[in-house]
């Protein structure tokens, strides 16, 4: 599985960068012990104390800051700050093409494995840390699809509910992109249309 994910991510053609501020998020695949048979992905639910995305499910990560080596470093620094993720237990597999959030942030998702048990502890920005089995996300029966209009075009995007946590919006779009590229999941999403509307 790991080699296959790396190979598929390496084949992606990078998008031209925009002038928007940059952020890095981490798609962490639990890849040890019981998770070797059915890997799970880590998500967080943001607390009511944060000014943006309060109560929303997201991947750990955040905006690039001076001192970050690159955006992958940003994603791991923020993952440590938000939930005490030890980067020593992480193996980078690659990156997905970025998506631009509704707040005009260029969000770069990085994919990696978490290879050993972590002492994950949420900081004040995070209400809950939870993980979802890949098998659940890839089962098309577990996805809901929503129609929305973007620049006069109707598009469909997925969402999931797992143990009362709703994965939707940008996080759901990143999740679908990850599943489709790395596992050929066939989850309908109109990300090509969305990316085609970007003004560089």
C-alpha atoms as a PDB file:
ATOM      1  CA  UNK A   1       0.000   0.000   0.000  1.00  0.00           C
ATOM      2  CA  UNK A   2       2.708   2.479   1.001  1.00  0.00           C
ATOM      3  CA  UNK A   3       4.751   2.109  -2.184  1.00  0.00           C
ATOM      4  CA  UNK A   4       1.593   2.379  -4.280  1.00  0.00           C
ATOM      5  CA  UNK A   5       0.587   5.656  -2.580  1.00  0.00           C
ATOM      6  CA  UNK A   6       4.063   7.128  -3.091  1.00  0.00           C
ATOM      7  CA  UNK A   7       4.083   6.201  -6.761  1.00  0.00           C
ATOM      8  CA  UNK A   8       0.654   7.699  -7.399  1.00  0.00           C
ATOM      9  CA  UNK A   9       1.504  10.942  -5.619  1.00  0.00           C
ATOM     10  CA  UNK A  10       4.776  11.250  -7.538  1.00  0.00           C
ATOM     11  CA  UNK A  11       2.815  11.244 -10.816  1.00  0.00           C
ATOM     12  CA  UNK A  12       0.846  14.385  -9.949  1.00  0.00           C
ATOM     13  CA  UNK A  13       1.724  17.506 -11.893  1.00  0.00           C
ATOM     14  CA  UNK A  14       2.170  20.503  -9.557  1.00  0.00           C
ATOM     15  CA  UNK A  15      -0.227  23.410 -10.003  1.00  0.00           C
ATOM     16  CA  UNK A  16       1.027  26.916 -10.632  1.00  0.00           C
ATOM     17  CA  UNK A  17       1.108  28.728  -7.290  1.00  0.00           C
ATOM     18  CA  UNK A  18      -1.319  31.556  -6.520  1.00  0.00           C
ATOM     19  CA  UNK A  19      -0.582  34.813  -4.713  1.00  0.00           C
ATOM     20  CA  UNK A  20      -2.610  33.743  -1.686  1.00  0.00           C
ATOM     21  CA  UNK A  21      -1.151  32.934   1.715  1.00  0.00           C
ATOM     22  CA  UNK A  22      -0.050  29.317   2.108  1.00  0.00           C
ATOM     23  CA  UNK A  23      -0.930  26.575   4.582  1.00  0.00           C
ATOM     24  CA  UNK A  24       0.050  22.945   5.047  1.00  0.00           C
ATOM     25  CA  UNK A  25      -2.181  20.178   6.421  1.00  0.00           C
ATOM     26  CA  UNK A  26      -1.233  16.612   7.301  1.00  0.00           C
ATOM     27  CA  UNK A  27      -3.153  13.504   6.222  1.00  0.00           C
ATOM     28  CA  UNK A  28      -1.770  11.053   8.766  1.00  0.00           C
ATOM     29  CA  UNK A  29      -2.344   7.349   8.076  1.00  0.00           C
ATOM     30  CA  UNK A  30      -2.115   5.203  11.215  1.00  0.00           C
ATOM     31  CA  UNK A  31       0.185   2.379  10.146  1.00  0.00           C
ATOM     32  CA  UNK A  32       1.152   0.219  13.127  1.00  0.00           C
ATOM     33  CA  UNK A  33      -0.242  -2.603  15.247  1.00  0.00           C
ATOM     34  CA  UNK A  34      -3.979  -3.095  14.797  1.00  0.00           C
ATOM     35  CA  UNK A  35      -4.062  -0.470  12.012  1.00  0.00           C
ATOM     36  CA  UNK A  36      -1.879  -2.484   9.659  1.00  0.00           C
ATOM     37  CA  UNK A  37      -4.924  -4.520   8.567  1.00  0.00           C
ATOM     38  CA  UNK A  38      -7.332  -1.565   8.386  1.00  0.00           C
ATOM     39  CA  UNK A  39      -5.468   1.779   8.405  1.00  0.00           C
ATOM     40  CA  UNK A  40      -7.195   4.872   9.735  1.00  0.00           C
ATOM     41  CA  UNK A  41      -6.751   8.587   9.031  1.00  0.00           C
ATOM     42  CA  UNK A  42      -6.497  11.198  11.782  1.00  0.00           C
ATOM     43  CA  UNK A  43      -8.873  14.152  11.869  1.00  0.00           C
ATOM     44  CA  UNK A  44      -9.427  16.897  14.423  1.00  0.00           C
ATOM     45  CA  UNK A  45     -12.488  18.896  15.421  1.00  0.00           C
ATOM     46  CA  UNK A  46     -11.692  22.516  16.118  1.00  0.00           C
ATOM     47  CA  UNK A  47     -12.800  24.019  19.422  1.00  0.00           C
ATOM     48  CA  UNK A  48     -15.141  26.945  20.014  1.00  0.00           C
ATOM     49  CA  UNK A  49     -12.144  29.047  21.126  1.00  0.00           C
ATOM     50  CA  UNK A  50     -10.751  29.536  17.606  1.00  0.00           C
ATOM     51  CA  UNK A  51     -11.922  32.464  15.492  1.00  0.00           C
ATOM     52  CA  UNK A  52     -12.132  30.574  12.185  1.00  0.00           C
ATOM     53  CA  UNK A  53     -13.553  27.116  11.410  1.00  0.00           C
ATOM     54  CA  UNK A  54     -14.897  26.784  14.959  1.00  0.00           C
ATOM     55  CA  UNK A  55     -16.520  23.380  15.477  1.00  0.00           C
ATOM     56  CA  UNK A  56     -15.432  22.120  12.074  1.00  0.00           C
ATOM     57  CA  UNK A  57     -13.629  18.862  11.337  1.00  0.00           C
ATOM     58  CA  UNK A  58     -10.244  19.389   9.729  1.00  0.00           C
ATOM     59  CA  UNK A  59      -6.860  17.846   9.177  1.00  0.00           C
ATOM     60  CA  UNK A  60      -4.152  19.013  11.573  1.00  0.00           C
ATOM     61  CA  UNK A  61      -2.149  21.858  10.092  1.00  0.00           C
ATOM     62  CA  UNK A  62      -2.137  25.591   9.585  1.00  0.00           C
ATOM     63  CA  UNK A  63      -0.578  28.627   7.963  1.00  0.00           C
ATOM     64  CA  UNK A  64       3.058  28.854   6.954  1.00  0.00           C
ATOM     65  CA  UNK A  65       5.219  30.863   9.337  1.00  0.00           C
ATOM     66  CA  UNK A  66       8.687  32.376   9.118  1.00  0.00           C
ATOM     67  CA  UNK A  67      11.133  29.669  10.155  1.00  0.00           C
ATOM     68  CA  UNK A  68       9.262  26.798   8.524  1.00  0.00           C
ATOM     69  CA  UNK A  69      11.558  24.934   6.143  1.00  0.00           C
ATOM     70  CA  UNK A  70       8.695  24.241   3.731  1.00  0.00           C
ATOM     71  CA  UNK A  71       4.960  23.580   3.836  1.00  0.00           C
ATOM     72  CA  UNK A  72       5.435  19.954   4.892  1.00  0.00           C
ATOM     73  CA  UNK A  73       7.393  21.313   7.858  1.00  0.00           C
ATOM     74  CA  UNK A  74       4.471  23.680   8.473  1.00  0.00           C
ATOM     75  CA  UNK A  75       2.030  20.762   8.563  1.00  0.00           C
ATOM     76  CA  UNK A  76       4.151  18.853  11.081  1.00  0.00           C
ATOM     77  CA  UNK A  77       4.866  21.886  13.263  1.00  0.00           C
ATOM     78  CA  UNK A  78       1.160  22.649  13.460  1.00  0.00           C
ATOM     79  CA  UNK A  79       0.357  18.963  14.085  1.00  0.00           C
ATOM     80  CA  UNK A  80       2.763  19.022  17.030  1.00  0.00           C
ATOM     81  CA  UNK A  81       1.274  22.249  18.390  1.00  0.00           C
ATOM     82  CA  UNK A  82      -2.319  21.104  17.947  1.00  0.00           C
ATOM     83  CA  UNK A  83      -2.087  17.493  19.082  1.00  0.00           C
ATOM     84  CA  UNK A  84       1.487  16.696  20.183  1.00  0.00           C
ATOM     85  CA  UNK A  85       2.345  14.636  17.072  1.00  0.00           C
ATOM     86  CA  UNK A  86       5.976  13.481  17.218  1.00  0.00           C
ATOM     87  CA  UNK A  87       7.448  13.927  13.750  1.00  0.00           C
ATOM     88  CA  UNK A  88      10.047  11.247  14.488  1.00  0.00           C
ATOM     89  CA  UNK A  89       7.289   8.684  14.016  1.00  0.00           C
ATOM     90  CA  UNK A  90       6.160  10.106  10.660  1.00  0.00           C
ATOM     91  CA  UNK A  91       7.161   9.041   7.138  1.00  0.00           C
ATOM     92  CA  UNK A  92       6.314  11.421   4.302  1.00  0.00           C
ATOM     93  CA  UNK A  93       4.717   9.766   1.260  1.00  0.00           C
ATOM     94  CA  UNK A  94       4.014  12.815  -0.887  1.00  0.00           C
ATOM     95  CA  UNK A  95       1.590  15.657  -1.478  1.00  0.00           C
ATOM     96  CA  UNK A  96      -1.724  16.318  -3.187  1.00  0.00           C
ATOM     97  CA  UNK A  97      -2.398  19.344  -5.363  1.00  0.00           C
ATOM     98  CA  UNK A  98      -3.470  22.327  -3.318  1.00  0.00           C
ATOM     99  CA  UNK A  99      -7.003  23.646  -2.920  1.00  0.00           C
ATOM    100  CA  UNK A 100      -7.916  27.251  -2.179  1.00  0.00           C
ATOM    101  CA  UNK A 101     -10.168  27.682   0.849  1.00  0.00           C
ATOM    102  CA  UNK A 102     -13.122  30.040   1.049  1.00  0.00           C
ATOM    103  CA  UNK A 103     -10.872  32.315   3.108  1.00  0.00           C
ATOM    104  CA  UNK A 104      -8.477  32.499   0.142  1.00  0.00           C
ATOM    105  CA  UNK A 105      -5.737  30.333   1.657  1.00  0.00           C
ATOM    106  CA  UNK A 106      -3.734  28.022  -0.625  1.00  0.00           C
ATOM    107  CA  UNK A 107      -3.962  24.747   1.342  1.00  0.00           C
ATOM    108  CA  UNK A 108      -1.352  22.086   0.568  1.00  0.00           C
ATOM    109  CA  UNK A 109      -2.218  18.560   1.838  1.00  0.00           C
ATOM    110  CA  UNK A 110       0.695  16.239   2.674  1.00  0.00           C
ATOM    111  CA  UNK A 111       0.288  12.495   3.061  1.00  0.00           C
ATOM    112  CA  UNK A 112       2.321  10.429   5.493  1.00  0.00           C
ATOM    113  CA  UNK A 113       2.243   7.380   7.716  1.00  0.00           C
ATOM    114  CA  UNK A 114       2.320   7.463  11.500  1.00  0.00           C
ATOM    115  CA  UNK A 115       4.395   4.414  12.305  1.00  0.00           C
ATOM    116  CA  UNK A 116       4.169   4.114  16.075  1.00  0.00           C
ATOM    117  CA  UNK A 117       1.694   4.809  18.870  1.00  0.00           C
ATOM    118  CA  UNK A 118       1.543   8.490  19.714  1.00  0.00           C
ATOM    119  CA  UNK A 119       0.647  10.327  22.889  1.00  0.00           C
ATOM    120  CA  UNK A 120      -1.784  12.652  21.151  1.00  0.00           C
ATOM    121  CA  UNK A 121      -3.082  15.490  23.322  1.00  0.00           C
ATOM    122  CA  UNK A 122      -5.314  18.263  21.998  1.00  0.00           C
ATOM    123  CA  UNK A 123      -4.367  21.885  22.671  1.00  0.00           C
ATOM    124  CA  UNK A 124      -6.887  24.675  23.235  1.00  0.00           C
ATOM    125  CA  UNK A 125      -7.570  24.964  19.488  1.00  0.00           C
ATOM    126  CA  UNK A 126      -8.778  21.360  19.242  1.00  0.00           C
ATOM    127  CA  UNK A 127     -11.871  19.859  20.850  1.00  0.00           C
ATOM    128  CA  UNK A 128     -11.470  16.241  19.705  1.00  0.00           C
ATOM    129  CA  UNK A 129      -8.861  14.091  17.955  1.00  0.00           C
ATOM    130  CA  UNK A 130     -10.344  11.074  16.165  1.00  0.00           C
ATOM    131  CA  UNK A 131      -9.552   8.653  13.362  1.00  0.00           C
ATOM    132  CA  UNK A 132     -11.666   7.098  10.608  1.00  0.00           C
ATOM    133  CA  UNK A 133     -10.956   3.771   8.864  1.00  0.00           C
ATOM    134  CA  UNK A 134      -9.978   4.056   5.224  1.00  0.00           C
ATOM    135  CA  UNK A 135     -12.403   1.211   4.524  1.00  0.00           C
ATOM    136  CA  UNK A 136     -15.284   3.327   5.872  1.00  0.00           C
ATOM    137  CA  UNK A 137     -14.365   6.342   3.762  1.00  0.00           C
ATOM    138  CA  UNK A 138     -13.931   4.275   0.602  1.00  0.00           C
ATOM    139  CA  UNK A 139     -17.346   2.641   0.949  1.00  0.00           C
ATOM    140  CA  UNK A 140     -19.452   4.794  -1.365  1.00  0.00           C
ATOM    141  CA  UNK A 141     -22.571   3.977   0.683  1.00  0.00           C
ATOM    142  CA  UNK A 142     -21.121   5.993   3.577  1.00  0.00           C
ATOM    143  CA  UNK A 143     -20.738   9.191   1.545  1.00  0.00           C
ATOM    144  CA  UNK A 144     -23.382  11.865   1.074  1.00  0.00           C
ATOM    145  CA  UNK A 145     -23.261  14.157  -1.948  1.00  0.00           C
ATOM    146  CA  UNK A 146     -24.223  17.809  -1.988  1.00  0.00           C
ATOM    147  CA  UNK A 147     -24.835  20.083  -4.957  1.00  0.00           C
ATOM    148  CA  UNK A 148     -23.543  23.636  -4.810  1.00  0.00           C
ATOM    149  CA  UNK A 149     -22.996  26.453  -7.264  1.00  0.00           C
ATOM    150  CA  UNK A 150     -19.561  27.870  -7.874  1.00  0.00           C
ATOM    151  CA  UNK A 151     -19.023  30.635 -10.442  1.00  0.00           C
ATOM    152  CA  UNK A 152     -22.322  29.768 -12.150  1.00  0.00           C
ATOM    153  CA  UNK A 153     -21.450  26.078 -12.370  1.00  0.00           C
ATOM    154  CA  UNK A 154     -23.192  23.351 -10.410  1.00  0.00           C
ATOM    155  CA  UNK A 155     -20.783  20.987  -8.702  1.00  0.00           C
ATOM    156  CA  UNK A 156     -21.113  18.022  -6.384  1.00  0.00           C
ATOM    157  CA  UNK A 157     -18.969  17.472  -3.323  1.00  0.00           C
ATOM    158  CA  UNK A 158     -19.074  14.619  -0.799  1.00  0.00           C
ATOM    159  CA  UNK A 159     -19.327  14.539   2.969  1.00  0.00           C
ATOM    160  CA  UNK A 160     -19.156  11.784   5.570  1.00  0.00           C
ATOM    161  CA  UNK A 161     -20.520  11.336   9.089  1.00  0.00           C
ATOM    162  CA  UNK A 162     -18.536   9.066  11.402  1.00  0.00           C
ATOM    163  CA  UNK A 163     -19.421   8.670  15.079  1.00  0.00           C
ATOM    164  CA  UNK A 164     -21.400  11.934  14.857  1.00  0.00           C
ATOM    165  CA  UNK A 165     -18.454  13.835  13.366  1.00  0.00           C
ATOM    166  CA  UNK A 166     -19.300  15.440  10.022  1.00  0.00           C
ATOM    167  CA  UNK A 167     -16.455  15.652   7.521  1.00  0.00           C
ATOM    168  CA  UNK A 168     -17.460  18.285   4.991  1.00  0.00           C
ATOM    169  CA  UNK A 169     -16.294  21.355   3.086  1.00  0.00           C
ATOM    170  CA  UNK A 170     -12.631  21.685   2.204  1.00  0.00           C
ATOM    171  CA  UNK A 171     -11.659  18.758   4.438  1.00  0.00           C
ATOM    172  CA  UNK A 172     -14.099  16.476   2.604  1.00  0.00           C
ATOM    173  CA  UNK A 173     -12.787  17.655  -0.756  1.00  0.00           C
ATOM    174  CA  UNK A 174      -9.203  16.906   0.305  1.00  0.00           C
ATOM    175  CA  UNK A 175     -10.319  13.519   1.639  1.00  0.00           C
ATOM    176  CA  UNK A 176     -12.022  12.623  -1.654  1.00  0.00           C
ATOM    177  CA  UNK A 177      -8.970  13.756  -3.630  1.00  0.00           C
ATOM    178  CA  UNK A 178      -6.717  11.596  -1.453  1.00  0.00           C
ATOM    179  CA  UNK A 179      -8.951   8.523  -1.748  1.00  0.00           C
ATOM    180  CA  UNK A 180      -9.411   8.864  -5.495  1.00  0.00           C
ATOM    181  CA  UNK A 181      -5.752   9.436  -6.301  1.00  0.00           C
ATOM    182  CA  UNK A 182      -4.200   6.973  -3.876  1.00  0.00           C
ATOM    183  CA  UNK A 183      -6.842   4.222  -3.872  1.00  0.00           C
ATOM    184  CA  UNK A 184      -8.892   4.732  -7.058  1.00  0.00           C
ATOM    185  CA  UNK A 185     -11.956   5.050  -4.825  1.00  0.00           C
ATOM    186  CA  UNK A 186     -14.215   6.541  -7.504  1.00  0.00           C
ATOM    187  CA  UNK A 187     -15.843   9.073  -5.157  1.00  0.00           C
ATOM    188  CA  UNK A 188     -17.562  11.766  -7.205  1.00  0.00           C
ATOM    189  CA  UNK A 189     -16.092  15.213  -6.700  1.00  0.00           C
ATOM    190  CA  UNK A 190     -15.771  18.110  -9.084  1.00  0.00           C
ATOM    191  CA  UNK A 191     -12.326  19.227  -7.970  1.00  0.00           C
ATOM    192  CA  UNK A 192     -11.087  19.587 -11.541  1.00  0.00           C
ATOM    193  CA  UNK A 193     -13.842  22.130 -12.149  1.00  0.00           C
ATOM    194  CA  UNK A 194     -13.032  23.948  -8.911  1.00  0.00           C
ATOM    195  CA  UNK A 195      -9.315  24.073  -9.683  1.00  0.00           C
ATOM    196  CA  UNK A 196     -10.055  25.189 -13.235  1.00  0.00           C
ATOM    197  CA  UNK A 197     -11.733  28.286 -11.827  1.00  0.00           C
ATOM    198  CA  UNK A 198      -8.691  29.488  -9.917  1.00  0.00           C
ATOM    199  CA  UNK A 199      -7.445  32.946 -10.794  1.00  0.00           C
ATOM    200  CA  UNK A 200      -3.675  32.857 -10.589  1.00  0.00           C
END
